[in-house]
C-alpha atoms as a PDB file:
ATOM      1  CA  UNK A   1     -41.419  92.055 -32.504  1.00  0.00           C
ATOM      2  CA  UNK A   2     -38.210  91.913 -31.423  1.00  0.00           C
ATOM      3  CA  UNK A   3     -35.450  89.004 -32.953  1.00  0.00           C
ATOM      4  CA  UNK A   4     -34.432  85.907 -31.080  1.00  0.00           C
ATOM      5  CA  UNK A   5     -31.139  86.568 -29.905  1.00  0.00           C
ATOM      6  CA  UNK A   6     -29.713  83.802 -32.751  1.00  0.00           C
ATOM      7  CA  UNK A   7     -31.246  85.703 -35.145  1.00  0.00           C
ATOM      8  CA  UNK A   8     -30.050  89.124 -34.489  1.00  0.00           C
ATOM      9  CA  UNK A   9     -27.672  90.581 -36.756  1.00  0.00           C
ATOM     10  CA  UNK A  10     -24.175  89.538 -35.697  1.00  0.00           C
ATOM     11  CA  UNK A  11     -21.373  92.363 -34.540  1.00  0.00           C
ATOM     12  CA  UNK A  12     -18.982  93.644 -36.515  1.00  0.00           C
ATOM     13  CA  UNK A  13     -16.271  90.809 -37.075  1.00  0.00           C
ATOM     14  CA  UNK A  14     -13.051  91.409 -38.201  1.00  0.00           C
ATOM     15  CA  UNK A  15     -12.098  90.018 -41.895  1.00  0.00           C
ATOM     16  CA  UNK A  16      -9.822  86.777 -41.547  1.00  0.00           C
ATOM     17  CA  UNK A  17      -7.191  88.007 -43.766  1.00  0.00           C
ATOM     18  CA  UNK A  18      -6.975  91.237 -41.173  1.00  0.00           C
ATOM     19  CA  UNK A  19      -7.008  88.191 -38.025  1.00  0.00           C
ATOM     20  CA  UNK A  20      -4.462  86.426 -40.350  1.00  0.00           C
ATOM     21  CA  UNK A  21      -1.705  88.999 -39.918  1.00  0.00           C
ATOM     22  CA  UNK A  22      -2.842  89.602 -36.444  1.00  0.00           C
ATOM     23  CA  UNK A  23      -2.255  86.136 -35.588  1.00  0.00           C
ATOM     24  CA  UNK A  24       1.005  86.589 -37.387  1.00  0.00           C
ATOM     25  CA  UNK A  25       2.547  89.260 -35.466  1.00  0.00           C
ATOM     26  CA  UNK A  26       1.167  87.894 -32.010  1.00  0.00           C
ATOM     27  CA  UNK A  27       3.304  84.778 -33.174  1.00  0.00           C
ATOM     28  CA  UNK A  28       6.700  87.180 -33.439  1.00  0.00           C
ATOM     29  CA  UNK A  29       5.629  88.152 -29.848  1.00  0.00           C
ATOM     30  CA  UNK A  30       5.385  85.102 -28.025  1.00  0.00           C
ATOM     31  CA  UNK A  31       8.494  84.663 -27.084  1.00  0.00           C
ATOM     32  CA  UNK A  32      10.186  86.206 -23.227  1.00  0.00           C
ATOM     33  CA  UNK A  33      13.117  87.496 -24.687  1.00  0.00           C
ATOM     34  CA  UNK A  34      10.353  89.522 -27.488  1.00  0.00           C
ATOM     35  CA  UNK A  35       8.407  90.278 -24.792  1.00  0.00           C
ATOM     36  CA  UNK A  36      11.537  91.740 -22.777  1.00  0.00           C
ATOM     37  CA  UNK A  37      12.699  93.778 -25.711  1.00  0.00           C
ATOM     38  CA  UNK A  38       9.178  95.310 -26.324  1.00  0.00           C
ATOM     39  CA  UNK A  39       8.994  95.969 -22.457  1.00  0.00           C
ATOM     40  CA  UNK A  40      12.298  97.648 -22.257  1.00  0.00           C
ATOM     41  CA  UNK A  41      11.621  99.743 -25.836  1.00  0.00           C
ATOM     42  CA  UNK A  42       8.394 101.150 -24.094  1.00  0.00           C
ATOM     43  CA  UNK A  43      10.724 103.020 -21.362  1.00  0.00           C
ATOM     44  CA  UNK A  44      13.464 104.401 -23.859  1.00  0.00           C
ATOM     45  CA  UNK A  45      15.664 103.837 -27.112  1.00  0.00           C
ATOM     46  CA  UNK A  46      18.798 100.952 -27.016  1.00  0.00           C
ATOM     47  CA  UNK A  47      20.908  99.200 -29.067  1.00  0.00           C
ATOM     48  CA  UNK A  48      21.204  95.440 -29.449  1.00  0.00           C
ATOM     49  CA  UNK A  49      24.344  95.766 -27.144  1.00  0.00           C
ATOM     50  CA  UNK A  50      22.408  96.872 -24.227  1.00  0.00           C
ATOM     51  CA  UNK A  51      18.929  94.666 -25.318  1.00  0.00           C
ATOM     52  CA  UNK A  52      20.929  91.546 -25.514  1.00  0.00           C
ATOM     53  CA  UNK A  53      22.843  92.454 -22.150  1.00  0.00           C
ATOM     54  CA  UNK A  54      18.939  92.498 -20.616  1.00  0.00           C
ATOM     55  CA  UNK A  55      18.018  89.653 -22.050  1.00  0.00           C
ATOM     56  CA  UNK A  56      20.769  87.617 -21.101  1.00  0.00           C
ATOM     57  CA  UNK A  57      21.595  86.652 -24.909  1.00  0.00           C
ATOM     58  CA  UNK A  58      24.712  87.343 -27.721  1.00  0.00           C
ATOM     59  CA  UNK A  59      24.279  90.109 -29.364  1.00  0.00           C
ATOM     60  CA  UNK A  60      23.685  87.860 -33.006  1.00  0.00           C
ATOM     61  CA  UNK A  61      20.660  86.629 -31.442  1.00  0.00           C
ATOM     62  CA  UNK A  62      19.013  89.710 -30.180  1.00  0.00           C
ATOM     63  CA  UNK A  63      19.402  91.290 -33.875  1.00  0.00           C
ATOM     64  CA  UNK A  64      17.626  88.068 -34.716  1.00  0.00           C
ATOM     65  CA  UNK A  65      14.676  88.754 -32.050  1.00  0.00           C
ATOM     66  CA  UNK A  66      14.776  92.934 -33.544  1.00  0.00           C
ATOM     67  CA  UNK A  67      14.654  91.763 -37.284  1.00  0.00           C
ATOM     68  CA  UNK A  68      11.529  89.412 -36.483  1.00  0.00           C
ATOM     69  CA  UNK A  69       9.970  92.226 -35.090  1.00  0.00           C
ATOM     70  CA  UNK A  70      10.997  95.003 -37.599  1.00  0.00           C
ATOM     71  CA  UNK A  71       9.428  92.647 -40.665  1.00  0.00           C
ATOM     72  CA  UNK A  72       5.764  92.730 -38.591  1.00  0.00           C
ATOM     73  CA  UNK A  73       6.226  96.606 -38.234  1.00  0.00           C
ATOM     74  CA  UNK A  74       6.661  96.909 -34.000  1.00  0.00           C
ATOM     75  CA  UNK A  75      10.071  98.714 -34.444  1.00  0.00           C
ATOM     76  CA  UNK A  76      12.839 101.178 -35.935  1.00  0.00           C
ATOM     77  CA  UNK A  77      15.927 101.603 -36.081  1.00  0.00           C
ATOM     78  CA  UNK A  78      17.983 105.021 -36.048  1.00  0.00           C
ATOM     79  CA  UNK A  79      21.757 104.572 -37.013  1.00  0.00           C
ATOM     80  CA  UNK A  80      23.861 107.183 -35.350  1.00  0.00           C
ATOM     81  CA  UNK A  81      27.390 106.922 -36.406  1.00  0.00           C
ATOM     82  CA  UNK A  82      28.398 103.510 -35.890  1.00  0.00           C
ATOM     83  CA  UNK A  83      25.547 102.522 -33.701  1.00  0.00           C
ATOM     84  CA  UNK A  84      21.964 101.411 -34.588  1.00  0.00           C
ATOM     85  CA  UNK A  85      19.277 102.765 -31.904  1.00  0.00           C
ATOM     86  CA  UNK A  86      15.821 100.630 -31.620  1.00  0.00           C
ATOM     87  CA  UNK A  87      12.719 102.403 -31.170  1.00  0.00           C
ATOM     88  CA  UNK A  88       8.952 101.475 -30.750  1.00  0.00           C
ATOM     89  CA  UNK A  89       6.492 101.461 -34.277  1.00  0.00           C
ATOM     90  CA  UNK A  90       3.730 100.273 -33.145  1.00  0.00           C
ATOM     91  CA  UNK A  91       1.797 102.618 -30.309  1.00  0.00           C
ATOM     92  CA  UNK A  92      -0.286  99.545 -29.794  1.00  0.00           C
ATOM     93  CA  UNK A  93       2.114  97.623 -28.238  1.00  0.00           C
ATOM     94  CA  UNK A  94       2.063  99.708 -25.274  1.00  0.00           C
ATOM     95  CA  UNK A  95      -1.174  98.261 -24.431  1.00  0.00           C
ATOM     96  CA  UNK A  96      -0.087  94.850 -25.381  1.00  0.00           C
ATOM     97  CA  UNK A  97       2.388  94.984 -22.937  1.00  0.00           C
ATOM     98  CA  UNK A  98       0.136  96.520 -20.480  1.00  0.00           C
ATOM     99  CA  UNK A  99      -2.627  93.465 -20.459  1.00  0.00           C
ATOM    100  CA  UNK A 100       0.480  91.191 -20.154  1.00  0.00           C
ATOM    101  CA  UNK A 101       2.198  93.205 -16.996  1.00  0.00           C
ATOM    102  CA  UNK A 102      -1.294  92.853 -15.712  1.00  0.00           C
ATOM    103  CA  UNK A 103      -2.186  89.211 -15.809  1.00  0.00           C
ATOM    104  CA  UNK A 104       1.410  87.933 -14.859  1.00  0.00           C
ATOM    105  CA  UNK A 105       4.120  90.503 -13.274  1.00  0.00           C
ATOM    106  CA  UNK A 106       3.251  90.703  -9.724  1.00  0.00           C
ATOM    107  CA  UNK A 107       4.650  94.034  -8.831  1.00  0.00           C
ATOM    108  CA  UNK A 108       1.817  95.125 -11.645  1.00  0.00           C
ATOM    109  CA  UNK A 109      -1.095  92.952 -10.544  1.00  0.00           C
ATOM    110  CA  UNK A 110      -0.898  94.726  -6.567  1.00  0.00           C
END
C-alpha cells in the first residue's frame, strides 16, 4: 500500500535557527555596493580605497560595508604595511554571485 502524498515523510528541512542566521547574512548582502564588493573580491584582493572607487562611495562608507560583511564571516582582511587588503572568506559567495549574475546581468544571460 502506498502512502498518500500529504502523508509521506517530509524531506529534510534546515533548522529554523540556521535559516534565521542565513536570513541575517542575506540581508547583509542585499545592497548593491556590497554585491559589487563581493563581485570584485571574487576576482582578487582589494583595498578599501579601490573598493570605494569602484562603488563610487567615500572610503568610510566602503569600510562600513566591509565591516558588516566581515561580521557575517564573508570576508577576511590582511594587513601589509599600512595597507589592508580584503579577500573572500566564504567560498559559497561564488555560487550566490553566479546566481545573481545569471538572473540580473544581461551580459551573463546570453
